[in-house]
C-alpha atoms as a PDB file:
ATOM      1  CA  MET A   1      29.124 -17.211 -14.202  1.00  0.00           C
ATOM      2  CA  SER A   2      27.136 -14.082 -12.494  1.00  0.00           C
ATOM      3  CA  ASN A   3      27.452 -11.567  -9.909  1.00  0.00           C
ATOM      4  CA  ALA A   4      23.868 -10.953  -9.614  1.00  0.00           C
ATOM      5  CA  LYS A   5      22.348 -10.855  -5.805  1.00  0.00           C
ATOM      6  CA  SER A   6      19.498 -11.724  -4.236  1.00  0.00           C
ATOM      7  CA  ALA A   7      16.991  -9.220  -2.252  1.00  0.00           C
ATOM      8  CA  THR A   8      14.015 -10.276  -0.131  1.00  0.00           C
ATOM      9  CA  ASP A   9      11.826  -8.145   1.524  1.00  0.00           C
ATOM     10  CA  ALA A  10      13.921  -7.984   4.764  1.00  0.00           C
ATOM     11  CA  THR A  11      17.082  -6.888   2.523  1.00  0.00           C
ATOM     12  CA  PHE A  12      16.128  -4.711  -0.074  1.00  0.00           C
ATOM     13  CA  ALA A  13      16.929  -1.487   1.431  1.00  0.00           C
ATOM     14  CA  ASP A  14      20.128  -2.507   2.257  1.00  0.00           C
ATOM     15  CA  VAL A  15      21.032  -4.125  -0.609  1.00  0.00           C
ATOM     16  CA  VAL A  16      19.761  -1.652  -2.850  1.00  0.00           C
ATOM     17  CA  LEU A  17      18.682   1.329  -1.488  1.00  0.00           C
ATOM     18  CA  LYS A  18      21.643   1.872   0.437  1.00  0.00           C
ATOM     19  CA  SER A  19      24.255   0.797  -2.513  1.00  0.00           C
ATOM     20  CA  GLU A  20      26.932   3.013  -3.178  1.00  0.00           C
ATOM     21  CA  LYS A  21      26.706   1.821  -6.559  1.00  0.00           C
ATOM     22  CA  PRO A  22      23.547   1.897  -9.169  1.00  0.00           C
ATOM     23  CA  VAL A  23      21.395  -1.083  -8.796  1.00  0.00           C
ATOM     24  CA  ILE A  24      19.968  -3.090 -11.621  1.00  0.00           C
ATOM     25  CA  VAL A  25      17.033  -5.035  -9.522  1.00  0.00           C
ATOM     26  CA  ASP A  26      15.184  -7.539 -11.889  1.00  0.00           C
ATOM     27  CA  PHE A  27      11.907  -8.673 -10.597  1.00  0.00           C
ATOM     28  CA  TRP A  28      11.163 -12.387 -11.420  1.00  0.00           C
ATOM     29  CA  ALA A  29       9.647 -15.110 -10.602  1.00  0.00           C
ATOM     30  CA  GLU A  30      10.541 -19.056 -11.538  1.00  0.00           C
ATOM     31  CA  TRP A  31       7.410 -19.630 -13.427  1.00  0.00           C
ATOM     32  CA  CYS A  32       8.056 -16.599 -16.156  1.00  0.00           C
ATOM     33  CA  GLY A  33       9.115 -17.948 -19.051  1.00  0.00           C
ATOM     34  CA  PRO A  34      10.018 -14.434 -20.088  1.00  0.00           C
ATOM     35  CA  CYS A  35      12.054 -13.481 -16.636  1.00  0.00           C
ATOM     36  CA  ARG A  36      13.732 -16.840 -17.479  1.00  0.00           C
ATOM     37  CA  LYS A  37      15.047 -15.465 -20.636  1.00  0.00           C
ATOM     38  CA  LEU A  38      16.022 -12.272 -19.445  1.00  0.00           C
ATOM     39  CA  GLY A  39      18.310 -13.680 -16.992  1.00  0.00           C
ATOM     40  CA  PRO A  40      21.422 -14.784 -18.469  1.00  0.00           C
ATOM     41  CA  ILE A  41      21.318 -11.604 -19.994  1.00  0.00           C
ATOM     42  CA  LEU A  42      21.311  -9.662 -16.700  1.00  0.00           C
ATOM     43  CA  ASP A  43      23.937 -12.240 -15.720  1.00  0.00           C
ATOM     44  CA  GLU A  44      26.034 -11.070 -18.221  1.00  0.00           C
ATOM     45  CA  ILE A  45      25.678  -7.218 -17.502  1.00  0.00           C
ATOM     46  CA  SER A  46      26.415  -8.389 -13.704  1.00  0.00           C
ATOM     47  CA  VAL A  47      29.811  -9.471 -14.788  1.00  0.00           C
ATOM     48  CA  GLU A  48      30.970  -6.803 -17.524  1.00  0.00           C
ATOM     49  CA  TYR A  49      30.184  -3.850 -15.935  1.00  0.00           C
ATOM     50  CA  SER A  50      30.990  -5.224 -12.091  1.00  0.00           C
ATOM     51  CA  ASP A  51      32.716  -2.037 -11.232  1.00  0.00           C
ATOM     52  CA  LYS A  52      30.023   0.394 -12.520  1.00  0.00           C
ATOM     53  CA  VAL A  53      26.905  -1.323 -10.994  1.00  0.00           C
ATOM     54  CA  GLU A  54      25.102  -4.191  -8.937  1.00  0.00           C
ATOM     55  CA  VAL A  55      22.428  -6.495 -10.610  1.00  0.00           C
ATOM     56  CA  VAL A  56      19.853  -7.790  -7.792  1.00  0.00           C
ATOM     57  CA  LYS A  57      17.272 -10.189  -8.179  1.00  0.00           C
ATOM     58  CA  VAL A  58      14.341 -10.059  -6.252  1.00  0.00           C
ATOM     59  CA  ASP A  59      11.367 -13.255  -6.307  1.00  0.00           C
ATOM     60  CA  VAL A  60       7.936 -11.196  -6.472  1.00  0.00           C
ATOM     61  CA  ASP A  61       6.350 -14.606  -5.191  1.00  0.00           C
ATOM     62  CA  ALA A  62       8.926 -15.117  -2.235  1.00  0.00           C
ATOM     63  CA  ASN A  63       8.976 -10.960  -1.430  1.00  0.00           C
ATOM     64  CA  PRO A  64       5.359  -9.570  -1.873  1.00  0.00           C
ATOM     65  CA  ALA A  65       6.171  -6.187   0.354  1.00  0.00           C
ATOM     66  CA  ILE A  66       8.722  -5.448  -2.097  1.00  0.00           C
ATOM     67  CA  SER A  67       7.036  -5.676  -5.026  1.00  0.00           C
ATOM     68  CA  ALA A  68       3.829  -4.362  -3.837  1.00  0.00           C
ATOM     69  CA  LYS A  69       5.720  -1.004  -2.742  1.00  0.00           C
ATOM     70  CA  TYR A  70       7.047  -0.716  -6.040  1.00  0.00           C
ATOM     71  CA  GLY A  71       3.664  -1.495  -7.982  1.00  0.00           C
ATOM     72  CA  ILE A  72       5.282  -4.498  -9.681  1.00  0.00           C
ATOM     73  CA  THR A  73       2.329  -5.780 -11.850  1.00  0.00           C
ATOM     74  CA  SER A  74       4.192  -7.440 -14.703  1.00  0.00           C
ATOM     75  CA  ILE A  75       7.620  -9.377 -15.096  1.00  0.00           C
ATOM     76  CA  PRO A  76       9.938  -9.074 -16.068  1.00  0.00           C
ATOM     77  CA  ALA A  77      10.025  -5.661 -14.390  1.00  0.00           C
ATOM     78  CA  VAL A  78      13.513  -4.396 -14.226  1.00  0.00           C
ATOM     79  CA  TYR A  79      14.249  -0.950 -12.294  1.00  0.00           C
ATOM     80  CA  LEU A  80      17.675   1.015 -11.942  1.00  0.00           C
ATOM     81  CA  PHE A  81      17.664   2.649  -8.939  1.00  0.00           C
ATOM     82  CA  ASN A  82      20.591   5.313  -7.913  1.00  0.00           C
ATOM     83  CA  GLY A  83      21.070   6.902  -5.003  1.00  0.00           C
ATOM     84  CA  GLY A  84      17.765   4.915  -3.538  1.00  0.00           C
ATOM     85  CA  GLU A  85      15.377   6.298  -6.192  1.00  0.00           C
ATOM     86  CA  VAL A  86      14.251   4.522  -9.266  1.00  0.00           C
ATOM     87  CA  GLN A  87      16.122   6.267 -12.207  1.00  0.00           C
ATOM     88  CA  SER A  88      14.793   4.175 -15.022  1.00  0.00           C
ATOM     89  CA  THR A  89      12.275   1.253 -15.773  1.00  0.00           C
ATOM     90  CA  VAL A  90      11.804  -1.376 -18.198  1.00  0.00           C
ATOM     91  CA  ILE A  91       9.370  -3.850 -18.810  1.00  0.00           C
ATOM     92  CA  GLY A  92       9.545  -6.945 -20.168  1.00  0.00           C
ATOM     93  CA  ALA A  93      12.540  -9.134 -21.695  1.00  0.00           C
ATOM     94  CA  ARG A  94      14.636  -6.860 -23.816  1.00  0.00           C
ATOM     95  CA  PRO A  95      17.827  -7.866 -25.915  1.00  0.00           C
ATOM     96  CA  LYS A  96      20.671  -7.061 -23.924  1.00  0.00           C
ATOM     97  CA  GLN A  97      21.685  -4.035 -26.421  1.00  0.00           C
ATOM     98  CA  TYR A  98      18.641  -2.051 -24.941  1.00  0.00           C
ATOM     99  CA  PHE A  99      19.397  -2.640 -21.792  1.00  0.00           C
ATOM    100  CA  GLU A 100      22.745  -1.315 -22.627  1.00  0.00           C
ATOM    101  CA  LYS A 101      21.545   1.591 -24.190  1.00  0.00           C
ATOM    102  CA  GLU A 102      18.335   2.379 -21.296  1.00  0.00           C
ATOM    103  CA  PHE A 103      21.203   2.253 -18.833  1.00  0.00           C
ATOM    104  CA  ALA A 104      23.997   3.731 -20.440  1.00  0.00           C
ATOM    105  CA  ASP A 105      24.026   6.679 -17.976  1.00  0.00           C
ATOM    106  CA  VAL A 106      25.608   4.345 -15.477  1.00  0.00           C
ATOM    107  CA  LEU A 107      27.255   1.890 -17.638  1.00  0.00           C
ATOM    108  CA  LYS A 108      29.623   3.959 -19.506  1.00  0.00           C
END
């Protein structure tokens, strides 16, 4: 089960930058093994913290413009946006507790 949404080059501004809530953005790709391991962890966060944060996935292969804008060179790259600005970044797959600690300001 997941509340995660998808964003594209065309919808990123509306879905992420204009969001009322903080947004955790998962920059990923289908072929990326660590990305596939991270997916279920972010899905859990999207359900458990749905009242506090949005989780959005961006396929870097299908959305090169937004990936280039944020300088995505390694995936998975997880960015926390708050008020349209990047507040925090995590590069690489990490356990759920790591994300809960890293993004504690918006998850509490």
